Amino acid sequence: MANYIKLEDAKRQCIIDTYFTDDDEYLESLCDTAETIVSELVNEDLDVIAACHDGELPTPLIHAMRMLVEYMYANRGTDNENQIPDAVYMFIKLYRNFA
């Protein structure tokens, strides 16, 4: 299960009613995937970033992960030509480690 994005966050972002539970397991896997993607794109472990910010992951990275979850959920099982929202990259580059 994801450390920084919870199921409730994912449902809120995807505009899914809390009583709908059929996709909960899938959404949790998307949360894990979004965290992995963001960690790779910032080139840093998310726990290291959180440690530098009083144990909390910066809000822009949380938003980037939520947007990734929404994107992946909305485009599952399709050969959609949509791209990951540019805002995701904008949020991530604020914390990118170039070392």
PDB file of N, CA and C in Angstrom:
ATOM      1  N   MET A   1       0.835  -1.193   0.000  1.00  0.00           N
ATOM      2  CA  MET A   1       0.000   0.000   0.000  1.00  0.00           C
ATOM      3  C   MET A   1       0.875   1.251   0.000  1.00  0.00           C
ATOM      4  N   ALA A   2       0.391   2.293  -0.606  1.00  0.00           N
ATOM      5  CA  ALA A   2       1.133   3.540  -0.747  1.00  0.00           C
ATOM      6  C   ALA A   2       1.384   4.194   0.604  1.00  0.00           C
ATOM      7  N   ASN A   3       2.491   4.873   0.690  1.00  0.00           N
ATOM      8  CA  ASN A   3       2.841   5.567   1.918  1.00  0.00           C
ATOM      9  C   ASN A   3       2.333   7.002   1.958  1.00  0.00           C
ATOM     10  N   TYR A   4       2.329   7.673   0.850  1.00  0.00           N
ATOM     11  CA  TYR A   4       2.019   9.101   0.832  1.00  0.00           C
ATOM     12  C   TYR A   4       0.651   9.440   0.260  1.00  0.00           C
ATOM     13  N   ILE A   5       0.103   8.548  -0.523  1.00  0.00           N
ATOM     14  CA  ILE A   5      -1.241   8.748  -1.071  1.00  0.00           C
ATOM     15  C   ILE A   5      -2.107   7.615  -0.549  1.00  0.00           C
ATOM     16  N   LYS A   6      -3.199   7.972   0.023  1.00  0.00           N
ATOM     17  CA  LYS A   6      -4.122   6.982   0.569  1.00  0.00           C
ATOM     18  C   LYS A   6      -5.282   6.763  -0.404  1.00  0.00           C
ATOM     19  N   LEU A   7      -5.975   5.666  -0.193  1.00  0.00           N
ATOM     20  CA  LEU A   7      -7.116   5.320  -1.039  1.00  0.00           C
ATOM     21  C   LEU A   7      -8.135   6.454  -1.083  1.00  0.00           C
ATOM     22  N   GLU A   8      -8.405   7.055   0.056  1.00  0.00           N
ATOM     23  CA  GLU A   8      -9.383   8.158   0.114  1.00  0.00           C
ATOM     24  C   GLU A   8      -8.952   9.328  -0.770  1.00  0.00           C
ATOM     25  N   ASP A   9      -7.624   9.616  -0.792  1.00  0.00           N
ATOM     26  CA  ASP A   9      -7.107  10.682  -1.650  1.00  0.00           C
ATOM     27  C   ASP A   9      -7.332  10.344  -3.121  1.00  0.00           C
ATOM     28  N   ALA A  10      -7.059   9.096  -3.459  1.00  0.00           N
ATOM     29  CA  ALA A  10      -7.216   8.663  -4.849  1.00  0.00           C
ATOM     30  C   ALA A  10      -8.679   8.746  -5.284  1.00  0.00           C
ATOM     31  N   LYS A  11      -9.576   8.307  -4.423  1.00  0.00           N
ATOM     32  CA  LYS A  11     -11.004   8.364  -4.764  1.00  0.00           C
ATOM     33  C   LYS A  11     -11.478   9.801  -4.927  1.00  0.00           C
ATOM     34  N   ARG A  12     -11.013  10.671  -4.060  1.00  0.00           N
ATOM     35  CA  ARG A  12     -11.394  12.080  -4.155  1.00  0.00           C
ATOM     36  C   ARG A  12     -10.884  12.676  -5.467  1.00  0.00           C
ATOM     37  N   GLN A  13      -9.638  12.374  -5.814  1.00  0.00           N
ATOM     38  CA  GLN A  13      -9.040  12.901  -7.042  1.00  0.00           C
ATOM     39  C   GLN A  13      -9.771  12.380  -8.278  1.00  0.00           C
ATOM     40  N   CYS A  14     -10.155  11.120  -8.248  1.00  0.00           N
ATOM     41  CA  CYS A  14     -10.827  10.498  -9.394  1.00  0.00           C
ATOM     42  C   CYS A  14     -12.344  10.695  -9.375  1.00  0.00           C
ATOM     43  N   ILE A  15     -12.827  11.394  -8.365  1.00  0.00           N
ATOM     44  CA  ILE A  15     -14.257  11.645  -8.181  1.00  0.00           C
ATOM     45  C   ILE A  15     -15.033  10.320  -8.149  1.00  0.00           C
ATOM     46  N   ILE A  16     -14.621   9.477  -7.211  1.00  0.00           N
ATOM     47  CA  ILE A  16     -15.269   8.183  -6.998  1.00  0.00           C
ATOM     48  C   ILE A  16     -15.915   8.216  -5.620  1.00  0.00           C
ATOM     49  N   ASP A  17     -17.178   7.867  -5.551  1.00  0.00           N
ATOM     50  CA  ASP A  17     -17.879   7.822  -4.274  1.00  0.00           C
ATOM     51  C   ASP A  17     -17.216   6.817  -3.333  1.00  0.00           C
ATOM     52  N   THR A  18     -17.170   7.152  -2.060  1.00  0.00           N
ATOM     53  CA  THR A  18     -16.519   6.284  -1.081  1.00  0.00           C
ATOM     54  C   THR A  18     -17.213   4.932  -0.955  1.00  0.00           C
ATOM     55  N   TYR A  19     -18.515   4.878  -1.228  1.00  0.00           N
ATOM     56  CA  TYR A  19     -19.228   3.606  -1.101  1.00  0.00           C
ATOM     57  C   TYR A  19     -18.897   2.633  -2.235  1.00  0.00           C
ATOM     58  N   PHE A  20     -18.345   3.132  -3.343  1.00  0.00           N
ATOM     59  CA  PHE A  20     -17.960   2.266  -4.458  1.00  0.00           C
ATOM     60  C   PHE A  20     -16.597   1.655  -4.140  1.00  0.00           C
ATOM     61  N   THR A  21     -16.568   0.349  -3.928  1.00  0.00           N
ATOM     62  CA  THR A  21     -15.340  -0.312  -3.495  1.00  0.00           C
ATOM     63  C   THR A  21     -14.784  -1.309  -4.510  1.00  0.00           C
ATOM     64  N   ASP A  22     -15.441  -1.462  -5.637  1.00  0.00           N
ATOM     65  CA  ASP A  22     -15.014  -2.457  -6.627  1.00  0.00           C
ATOM     66  C   ASP A  22     -13.585  -2.223  -7.119  1.00  0.00           C
ATOM     67  N   ASP A  23     -13.161  -0.980  -7.202  1.00  0.00           N
ATOM     68  CA  ASP A  23     -11.841  -0.658  -7.740  1.00  0.00           C
ATOM     69  C   ASP A  23     -10.812  -0.311  -6.665  1.00  0.00           C
ATOM     70  N   ASP A  24     -11.128  -0.539  -5.404  1.00  0.00           N
ATOM     71  CA  ASP A  24     -10.221  -0.134  -4.324  1.00  0.00           C
ATOM     72  C   ASP A  24      -8.828  -0.753  -4.453  1.00  0.00           C
ATOM     73  N   GLU A  25      -8.777  -2.039  -4.712  1.00  0.00           N
ATOM     74  CA  GLU A  25      -7.472  -2.706  -4.833  1.00  0.00           C
ATOM     75  C   GLU A  25      -6.681  -2.138  -6.013  1.00  0.00           C
ATOM     76  N   TYR A  26      -7.371  -1.918  -7.110  1.00  0.00           N
ATOM     77  CA  TYR A  26      -6.717  -1.334  -8.293  1.00  0.00           C
ATOM     78  C   TYR A  26      -6.219   0.079  -7.997  1.00  0.00           C
ATOM     79  N   LEU A  27      -7.038   0.884  -7.340  1.00  0.00           N
ATOM     80  CA  LEU A  27      -6.630   2.243  -6.997  1.00  0.00           C
ATOM     81  C   LEU A  27      -5.417   2.250  -6.064  1.00  0.00           C
ATOM     82  N   GLU A  28      -5.383   1.327  -5.120  1.00  0.00           N
ATOM     83  CA  GLU A  28      -4.226   1.248  -4.225  1.00  0.00           C
ATOM     84  C   GLU A  28      -2.964   0.894  -4.999  1.00  0.00           C
ATOM     85  N   SER A  29      -3.098   0.029  -5.996  1.00  0.00           N
ATOM     86  CA  SER A  29      -1.925  -0.302  -6.812  1.00  0.00           C
ATOM     87  C   SER A  29      -1.483   0.895  -7.647  1.00  0.00           C
ATOM     88  N   LEU A  30      -2.445   1.705  -8.092  1.00  0.00           N
ATOM     89  CA  LEU A  30      -2.091   2.925  -8.821  1.00  0.00           C
ATOM     90  C   LEU A  30      -1.379   3.922  -7.914  1.00  0.00           C
ATOM     91  N   CYS A  31      -1.785   3.979  -6.660  1.00  0.00           N
ATOM     92  CA  CYS A  31      -1.093   4.856  -5.692  1.00  0.00           C
ATOM     93  C   CYS A  31       0.358   4.431  -5.542  1.00  0.00           C
ATOM     94  N   ASP A  32       0.587   3.141  -5.397  1.00  0.00           N
ATOM     95  CA  ASP A  32       1.956   2.627  -5.304  1.00  0.00           C
ATOM     96  C   ASP A  32       2.751   2.958  -6.564  1.00  0.00           C
ATOM     97  N   THR A  33       2.117   2.761  -7.700  1.00  0.00           N
ATOM     98  CA  THR A  33       2.774   3.030  -8.980  1.00  0.00           C
ATOM     99  C   THR A  33       3.111   4.503  -9.123  1.00  0.00           C
ATOM    100  N   ALA A  34       2.182   5.366  -8.750  1.00  0.00           N
ATOM    101  CA  ALA A  34       2.421   6.813  -8.842  1.00  0.00           C
ATOM    102  C   ALA A  34       3.605   7.216  -7.953  1.00  0.00           C
ATOM    103  N   GLU A  35       3.698   6.647  -6.771  1.00  0.00           N
ATOM    104  CA  GLU A  35       4.830   6.952  -5.897  1.00  0.00           C
ATOM    105  C   GLU A  35       6.144   6.501  -6.522  1.00  0.00           C
ATOM    106  N   THR A  36       6.134   5.335  -7.134  1.00  0.00           N
ATOM    107  CA  THR A  36       7.345   4.835  -7.791  1.00  0.00           C
ATOM    108  C   THR A  36       7.746   5.741  -8.942  1.00  0.00           C
ATOM    109  N   ILE A  37       6.777   6.141  -9.740  1.00  0.00           N
ATOM    110  CA  ILE A  37       7.055   7.020 -10.882  1.00  0.00           C
ATOM    111  C   ILE A  37       7.628   8.354 -10.411  1.00  0.00           C
ATOM    112  N   VAL A  38       7.005   8.963  -9.415  1.00  0.00           N
ATOM    113  CA  VAL A  38       7.478  10.261  -8.931  1.00  0.00           C
ATOM    114  C   VAL A  38       8.872  10.127  -8.340  1.00  0.00           C
ATOM    115  N   SER A  39       9.113   9.076  -7.592  1.00  0.00           N
ATOM    116  CA  SER A  39      10.440   8.856  -7.026  1.00  0.00           C
ATOM    117  C   SER A  39      11.496   8.745  -8.125  1.00  0.00           C
ATOM    118  N   GLU A  40      11.158   8.018  -9.181  1.00  0.00           N
ATOM    119  CA  GLU A  40      12.094   7.885 -10.311  1.00  0.00           C
ATOM    120  C   GLU A  40      12.317   9.217 -11.023  1.00  0.00           C
ATOM    121  N   LEU A  41      11.246   9.969 -11.206  1.00  0.00           N
ATOM    122  CA  LEU A  41      11.367  11.238 -11.925  1.00  0.00           C
ATOM    123  C   LEU A  41      12.117  12.308 -11.132  1.00  0.00           C
ATOM    124  N   VAL A  42      11.999  12.281  -9.823  1.00  0.00           N
ATOM    125  CA  VAL A  42      12.768  13.258  -9.021  1.00  0.00           C
ATOM    126  C   VAL A  42      14.175  12.742  -8.738  1.00  0.00           C
ATOM    127  N   ASN A  43      14.402  11.461  -9.063  1.00  0.00           N
ATOM    128  CA  ASN A  43      15.710  10.852  -8.863  1.00  0.00           C
ATOM    129  C   ASN A  43      16.117  10.856  -7.388  1.00  0.00           C
ATOM    130  N   GLU A  44      15.127  10.575  -6.545  1.00  0.00           N
ATOM    131  CA  GLU A  44      15.371  10.576  -5.102  1.00  0.00           C
ATOM    132  C   GLU A  44      14.310   9.719  -4.422  1.00  0.00           C
ATOM    133  N   ASP A  45      14.692   9.066  -3.348  1.00  0.00           N
ATOM    134  CA  ASP A  45      13.735   8.328  -2.543  1.00  0.00           C
ATOM    135  C   ASP A  45      12.787   9.331  -1.885  1.00  0.00           C
ATOM    136  N   LEU A  46      11.505   9.065  -1.919  1.00  0.00           N
ATOM    137  CA  LEU A  46      10.531  10.008  -1.363  1.00  0.00           C
ATOM    138  C   LEU A  46      10.706  10.190   0.141  1.00  0.00           C
ATOM    139  N   ASP A  47      11.171   9.156   0.829  1.00  0.00           N
ATOM    140  CA  ASP A  47      11.418   9.292   2.265  1.00  0.00           C
ATOM    141  C   ASP A  47      12.529  10.289   2.552  1.00  0.00           C
ATOM    142  N   VAL A  48      13.520  10.364   1.679  1.00  0.00           N
ATOM    143  CA  VAL A  48      14.609  11.328   1.838  1.00  0.00           C
ATOM    144  C   VAL A  48      14.077  12.744   1.673  1.00  0.00           C
ATOM    145  N   ILE A  49      13.228  12.938   0.683  1.00  0.00           N
ATOM    146  CA  ILE A  49      12.629  14.266   0.465  1.00  0.00           C
ATOM    147  C   ILE A  49      11.763  14.640   1.662  1.00  0.00           C
ATOM    148  N   ALA A  50      10.956  13.705   2.127  1.00  0.00           N
ATOM    149  CA  ALA A  50      10.094  13.977   3.284  1.00  0.00           C
ATOM    150  C   ALA A  50      10.928  14.316   4.513  1.00  0.00           C
ATOM    151  N   ALA A  51      12.031  13.628   4.705  1.00  0.00           N
ATOM    152  CA  ALA A  51      12.888  13.891   5.867  1.00  0.00           C
ATOM    153  C   ALA A  51      13.431  15.314   5.852  1.00  0.00           C
ATOM    154  N   CYS A  52      13.616  15.856   4.679  1.00  0.00           N
ATOM    155  CA  CYS A  52      14.105  17.239   4.556  1.00  0.00           C
ATOM    156  C   CYS A  52      12.992  18.268   4.745  1.00  0.00           C
ATOM    157  N   HIS A  53      11.762  17.803   4.878  1.00  0.00           N
ATOM    158  CA  HIS A  53      10.601  18.689   5.019  1.00  0.00           C
ATOM    159  C   HIS A  53       9.767  18.275   6.236  1.00  0.00           C
ATOM    160  N   ASP A  54      10.436  18.122   7.349  1.00  0.00           N
ATOM    161  CA  ASP A  54       9.781  17.789   8.625  1.00  0.00           C
ATOM    162  C   ASP A  54       8.932  16.523   8.555  1.00  0.00           C
ATOM    163  N   GLY A  55       9.382  15.546   7.773  1.00  0.00           N
ATOM    164  CA  GLY A  55       8.687  14.274   7.691  1.00  0.00           C
ATOM    165  C   GLY A  55       7.492  14.242   6.754  1.00  0.00           C
ATOM    166  N   GLU A  56       7.218  15.343   6.114  1.00  0.00           N
ATOM    167  CA  GLU A  56       6.075  15.432   5.193  1.00  0.00           C
ATOM    168  C   GLU A  56       6.576  15.610   3.765  1.00  0.00           C
ATOM    169  N   LEU A  57       5.945  14.922   2.854  1.00  0.00           N
ATOM    170  CA  LEU A  57       6.270  15.115   1.445  1.00  0.00           C
ATOM    171  C   LEU A  57       5.679  16.448   0.999  1.00  0.00           C
ATOM    172  N   PRO A  58       6.441  17.267   0.272  1.00  0.00           N
ATOM    173  CA  PRO A  58       5.923  18.561  -0.177  1.00  0.00           C
ATOM    174  C   PRO A  58       4.626  18.416  -0.990  1.00  0.00           C
ATOM    175  N   THR A  59       3.740  19.340  -0.793  1.00  0.00           N
ATOM    176  CA  THR A  59       2.426  19.320  -1.437  1.00  0.00           C
ATOM    177  C   THR A  59       2.492  19.173  -2.955  1.00  0.00           C
ATOM    178  N   PRO A  60       3.417  19.861  -3.660  1.00  0.00           N
ATOM    179  CA  PRO A  60       3.447  19.669  -5.116  1.00  0.00           C
ATOM    180  C   PRO A  60       3.687  18.219  -5.531  1.00  0.00           C
ATOM    181  N   LEU A  61       4.489  17.484  -4.776  1.00  0.00           N
ATOM    182  CA  LEU A  61       4.720  16.079  -5.118  1.00  0.00           C
ATOM    183  C   LEU A  61       3.485  15.226  -4.831  1.00  0.00           C
ATOM    184  N   ILE A  62       2.778  15.558  -3.774  1.00  0.00           N
ATOM    185  CA  ILE A  62       1.516  14.867  -3.484  1.00  0.00           C
ATOM    186  C   ILE A  62       0.528  15.100  -4.626  1.00  0.00           C
ATOM    187  N   HIS A  63       0.445  16.357  -5.071  1.00  0.00           N
ATOM    188  CA  HIS A  63      -0.464  16.665  -6.193  1.00  0.00           C
ATOM    189  C   HIS A  63      -0.037  15.935  -7.458  1.00  0.00           C
ATOM    190  N   ALA A  64       1.256  15.855  -7.716  1.00  0.00           N
ATOM    191  CA  ALA A  64       1.737  15.133  -8.898  1.00  0.00           C
ATOM    192  C   ALA A  64       1.307  13.670  -8.839  1.00  0.00           C
ATOM    193  N   MET A  65       1.430  13.052  -7.675  1.00  0.00           N
ATOM    194  CA  MET A  65       1.028  11.656  -7.529  1.00  0.00           C
ATOM    195  C   MET A  65      -0.475  11.486  -7.700  1.00  0.00           C
ATOM    196  N   ARG A  66      -1.241  12.397  -7.135  1.00  0.00           N
ATOM    197  CA  ARG A  66      -2.699  12.311  -7.296  1.00  0.00           C
ATOM    198  C   ARG A  66      -3.086  12.429  -8.760  1.00  0.00           C
ATOM    199  N   MET A  67      -2.452  13.348  -9.456  1.00  0.00           N
ATOM    200  CA  MET A  67      -2.756  13.537 -10.872  1.00  0.00           C
ATOM    201  C   MET A  67      -2.372  12.302 -11.687  1.00  0.00           C
ATOM    202  N   LEU A  68      -1.265  11.666 -11.323  1.00  0.00           N
ATOM    203  CA  LEU A  68      -0.870  10.434 -12.011  1.00  0.00           C
ATOM    204  C   LEU A  68      -1.889   9.329 -11.784  1.00  0.00           C
ATOM    205  N   VAL A  69      -2.357   9.202 -10.552  1.00  0.00           N
ATOM    206  CA  VAL A  69      -3.379   8.192 -10.260  1.00  0.00           C
ATOM    207  C   VAL A  69      -4.626   8.457 -11.104  1.00  0.00           C
ATOM    208  N   GLU A  70      -5.057   9.694 -11.131  1.00  0.00           N
ATOM    209  CA  GLU A  70      -6.246  10.043 -11.910  1.00  0.00           C
ATOM    210  C   GLU A  70      -6.040   9.729 -13.389  1.00  0.00           C
ATOM    211  N   TYR A  71      -4.879  10.089 -13.909  1.00  0.00           N
ATOM    212  CA  TYR A  71      -4.564   9.841 -15.315  1.00  0.00           C
ATOM    213  C   TYR A  71      -4.593   8.344 -15.630  1.00  0.00           C
ATOM    214  N   MET A  72      -3.918   7.553 -14.782  1.00  0.00           N
ATOM    215  CA  MET A  72      -3.848   6.113 -15.030  1.00  0.00           C
ATOM    216  C   MET A  72      -5.219   5.453 -14.883  1.00  0.00           C
ATOM    217  N   TYR A  73      -6.020   5.924 -13.937  1.00  0.00           N
ATOM    218  CA  TYR A  73      -7.350   5.353 -13.731  1.00  0.00           C
ATOM    219  C   TYR A  73      -8.262   5.672 -14.915  1.00  0.00           C
ATOM    220  N   ALA A  74      -8.204   6.892 -15.376  1.00  0.00           N
ATOM    221  CA  ALA A  74      -9.073   7.317 -16.473  1.00  0.00           C
ATOM    222  C   ALA A  74      -8.677   6.687 -17.805  1.00  0.00           C
ATOM    223  N   ASN A  75      -7.425   6.307 -17.942  1.00  0.00           N
ATOM    224  CA  ASN A  75      -6.929   5.802 -19.223  1.00  0.00           C
ATOM    225  C   ASN A  75      -6.573   4.319 -19.190  1.00  0.00           C
ATOM    226  N   ARG A  76      -7.087   3.608 -18.214  1.00  0.00           N
ATOM    227  CA  ARG A  76      -6.754   2.184 -18.107  1.00  0.00           C
ATOM    228  C   ARG A  76      -7.360   1.397 -19.260  1.00  0.00           C
ATOM    229  N   GLY A  77      -6.587   0.465 -19.727  1.00  0.00           N
ATOM    230  CA  GLY A  77      -7.083  -0.433 -20.757  1.00  0.00           C
ATOM    231  C   GLY A  77      -7.324   0.216 -22.104  1.00  0.00           C
ATOM    232  N   THR A  78      -6.785   1.396 -22.302  1.00  0.00           N
ATOM    233  CA  THR A  78      -6.977   2.055 -23.590  1.00  0.00           C
ATOM    234  C   THR A  78      -5.630   2.337 -24.222  1.00  0.00           C
ATOM    235  N   ASP A  79      -5.652   2.499 -25.503  1.00  0.00           N
ATOM    236  CA  ASP A  79      -4.463   2.922 -26.234  1.00  0.00           C
ATOM    237  C   ASP A  79      -4.630   4.408 -26.510  1.00  0.00           C
ATOM    238  N   ASN A  80      -4.784   5.140 -25.431  1.00  0.00           N
ATOM    239  CA  ASN A  80      -5.079   6.557 -25.510  1.00  0.00           C
ATOM    240  C   ASN A  80      -3.816   7.342 -25.834  1.00  0.00           C
ATOM    241  N   GLU A  81      -3.931   8.313 -26.679  1.00  0.00           N
ATOM    242  CA  GLU A  81      -2.785   9.128 -27.041  1.00  0.00           C
ATOM    243  C   GLU A  81      -2.565  10.296 -26.085  1.00  0.00           C
ATOM    244  N   ASN A  82      -3.404  10.395 -25.070  1.00  0.00           N
ATOM    245  CA  ASN A  82      -3.209  11.470 -24.090  1.00  0.00           C
ATOM    246  C   ASN A  82      -1.869  11.317 -23.406  1.00  0.00           C
ATOM    247  N   GLN A  83      -1.291  12.436 -23.074  1.00  0.00           N
ATOM    248  CA  GLN A  83      -0.027  12.443 -22.370  1.00  0.00           C
ATOM    249  C   GLN A  83      -0.268  12.721 -20.898  1.00  0.00           C
ATOM    250  N   ILE A  84       0.697  12.314 -20.083  1.00  0.00           N
ATOM    251  CA  ILE A  84       0.635  12.665 -18.664  1.00  0.00           C
ATOM    252  C   ILE A  84       0.546  14.183 -18.583  1.00  0.00           C
ATOM    253  N   PRO A  85      -0.319  14.711 -17.728  1.00  0.00           N
ATOM    254  CA  PRO A  85      -0.485  16.165 -17.642  1.00  0.00           C
ATOM    255  C   PRO A  85       0.842  16.889 -17.394  1.00  0.00           C
ATOM    256  N   ASP A  86       1.048  17.977 -18.112  1.00  0.00           N
ATOM    257  CA  ASP A  86       2.279  18.766 -17.963  1.00  0.00           C
ATOM    258  C   ASP A  86       2.486  19.235 -16.531  1.00  0.00           C
ATOM    259  N   ALA A  87       1.399  19.474 -15.819  1.00  0.00           N
ATOM    260  CA  ALA A  87       1.521  19.942 -14.437  1.00  0.00           C
ATOM    261  C   ALA A  87       2.285  18.937 -13.579  1.00  0.00           C
ATOM    262  N   VAL A  88       2.162  17.645 -13.891  1.00  0.00           N
ATOM    263  CA  VAL A  88       2.898  16.628 -13.135  1.00  0.00           C
ATOM    264  C   VAL A  88       4.396  16.918 -13.226  1.00  0.00           C
ATOM    265  N   TYR A  89       4.874  17.171 -14.420  1.00  0.00           N
ATOM    266  CA  TYR A  89       6.300  17.456 -14.607  1.00  0.00           C
ATOM    267  C   TYR A  89       6.693  18.783 -13.954  1.00  0.00           C
ATOM    268  N   MET A  90       5.814  19.758 -14.021  1.00  0.00           N
ATOM    269  CA  MET A  90       6.085  21.048 -13.395  1.00  0.00           C
ATOM    270  C   MET A  90       6.263  20.880 -11.885  1.00  0.00           C
ATOM    271  N   PHE A  91       5.380  20.099 -11.257  1.00  0.00           N
ATOM    272  CA  PHE A  91       5.487  19.869  -9.818  1.00  0.00           C
ATOM    273  C   PHE A  91       6.752  19.086  -9.473  1.00  0.00           C
ATOM    274  N   ILE A  92       7.073  18.108 -10.283  1.00  0.00           N
ATOM    275  CA  ILE A  92       8.216  17.245 -10.007  1.00  0.00           C
ATOM    276  C   ILE A  92       9.533  17.989 -10.156  1.00  0.00           C
ATOM    277  N   LYS A  93       9.647  18.844 -11.156  1.00  0.00           N
ATOM    278  CA  LYS A  93      10.930  19.496 -11.377  1.00  0.00           C
ATOM    279  C   LYS A  93      11.331  20.419 -10.236  1.00  0.00           C
ATOM    280  N   LEU A  94      10.375  20.802  -9.402  1.00  0.00           N
ATOM    281  CA  LEU A  94      10.711  21.609  -8.240  1.00  0.00           C
ATOM    282  C   LEU A  94      11.611  20.865  -7.254  1.00  0.00           C
ATOM    283  N   TYR A  95      11.577  19.540  -7.307  1.00  0.00           N
ATOM    284  CA  TYR A  95      12.307  18.723  -6.332  1.00  0.00           C
ATOM    285  C   TYR A  95      13.292  17.742  -6.988  1.00  0.00           C
ATOM    286  N   ARG A  96      13.539  17.922  -8.264  1.00  0.00           N
ATOM    287  CA  ARG A  96      14.417  16.992  -8.982  1.00  0.00           C
ATOM    288  C   ARG A  96      15.837  17.060  -8.456  1.00  0.00           C
ATOM    289  N   ASN A  97      16.403  15.904  -8.229  1.00  0.00           N
ATOM    290  CA  ASN A  97      17.794  15.789  -7.793  1.00  0.00           C
ATOM    291  C   ASN A  97      18.638  15.486  -9.027  1.00  0.00           C
ATOM    292  N   PHE A  98      19.510  16.413  -9.386  1.00  0.00           N
ATOM    293  CA  PHE A  98      20.329  16.247 -10.585  1.00  0.00           C
ATOM    294  C   PHE A  98      21.693  15.655 -10.266  1.00  0.00           C
ATOM    295  N   ALA A  99      21.896  15.265  -9.028  1.00  0.00           N
ATOM    296  CA  ALA A  99      23.208  14.716  -8.629  1.00  0.00           C
ATOM    297  C   ALA A  99      23.421  13.330  -9.189  1.00  0.00           C
TER     298      ALA A  99
END
